[in-house]
Protein backbone atom coordinates (compact mmCIF):
# COMPACT_ATOMS: atom_id res chain seq x y z
CA MET A 1 -5.84 -4.38 -59.75
CA PRO A 2 -4.59 -7.52 -57.57
CA GLN A 3 -6.61 -8.94 -54.35
CA LEU A 4 -4.77 -9.13 -51.30
CA ASP A 5 -4.34 -12.13 -49.79
CA THR A 6 -5.42 -12.50 -46.26
CA SER A 7 -5.57 -16.61 -46.00
CA THR A 8 -2.49 -16.11 -43.77
CA TRP A 9 -3.37 -13.49 -41.32
CA PHE A 10 -5.03 -15.41 -38.75
CA ILE A 11 -2.20 -17.92 -38.29
CA THR A 12 0.30 -14.79 -38.18
CA ILE A 13 -1.63 -12.89 -35.55
CA LEU A 14 -2.36 -16.04 -33.25
CA SER A 15 1.26 -17.44 -33.60
CA MET A 16 2.69 -13.50 -32.92
CA VAL A 17 0.23 -13.50 -29.57
CA LEU A 18 1.27 -16.87 -28.44
CA THR A 19 4.81 -15.91 -28.90
CA LEU A 20 4.63 -12.50 -26.93
CA PHE A 21 2.78 -14.54 -24.11
CA ILE A 22 5.52 -16.70 -23.77
CA ILE A 23 7.91 -14.10 -23.64
CA MET A 24 6.01 -12.24 -21.17
CA GLN A 25 5.93 -15.76 -18.90
CA LEU A 26 9.77 -16.08 -19.50
CA LYS A 27 10.68 -12.67 -17.81
CA VAL A 28 8.01 -13.09 -15.19
CA SER A 29 9.20 -16.26 -13.79
CA LYS A 30 12.95 -15.46 -14.07
CA HIS A 31 12.20 -12.61 -11.68
CA SER A 32 13.56 -12.99 -8.36
CA TYR A 33 11.07 -11.60 -5.42
CA TYR A 34 11.99 -11.45 -1.61
CA SER A 35 10.74 -14.58 0.37
CA THR A 36 10.05 -12.77 3.45
CA PRO A 37 9.44 -9.09 3.00
CA GLU A 38 9.66 -7.03 6.13
CA PRO A 39 8.96 -3.60 6.47
CA MET A 40 12.14 -1.15 6.70
CA THR A 41 12.27 1.02 9.77
CA THR A 42 12.83 4.79 8.84
CA LYS A 43 13.53 7.88 11.11
CA ALA A 44 11.75 11.04 10.33
CA LEU A 45 13.58 13.92 10.34
CA LYS A 46 12.16 17.01 12.20
CA GLN A 47 12.70 20.29 10.32
CA THR A 48 11.82 23.31 12.26
CA THR A 49 10.05 26.18 10.37
CA PRO A 50 10.14 29.69 11.57
CA TRP A 51 6.73 29.55 12.23
CA GLU A 52 6.64 26.58 14.66
CA SER A 53 8.37 28.63 17.22
CA LYS A 54 5.66 31.59 16.84
CA TRP A 55 2.33 31.89 18.23
CA THR A 56 -0.33 32.50 14.91
CA LYS A 57 -3.77 32.52 14.51
CA ILE A 58 -5.69 32.13 11.25
CA TYR A 59 -8.76 34.40 11.29
CA SER A 60 -11.50 32.81 8.93
CA PRO A 61 -13.69 35.37 7.12
CA LEU A 62 -16.57 33.89 8.57
CA SER A 63 -15.75 34.60 12.44
CA LEU A 64 -14.66 38.26 11.62
CA PRO A 65 -17.02 41.05 13.19
CA LEU A 66 -19.80 42.20 10.47
CA ARG A 67 -18.75 45.87 9.13
């Protein structure tokens, strides 16, 4: 059974990692960012729900009288 030649694996993996690093660096360097980001003002919309117009009380089980 022939032996697997692993003598070129190191240079292959090293060149692959180096190539991926260079490609990622080029992609990041071409990305354009805003020079001075400013906060965007948004208006909050007030939605009325049926229970906001009524008086409600939530009873906690601990506040109820003991039977």
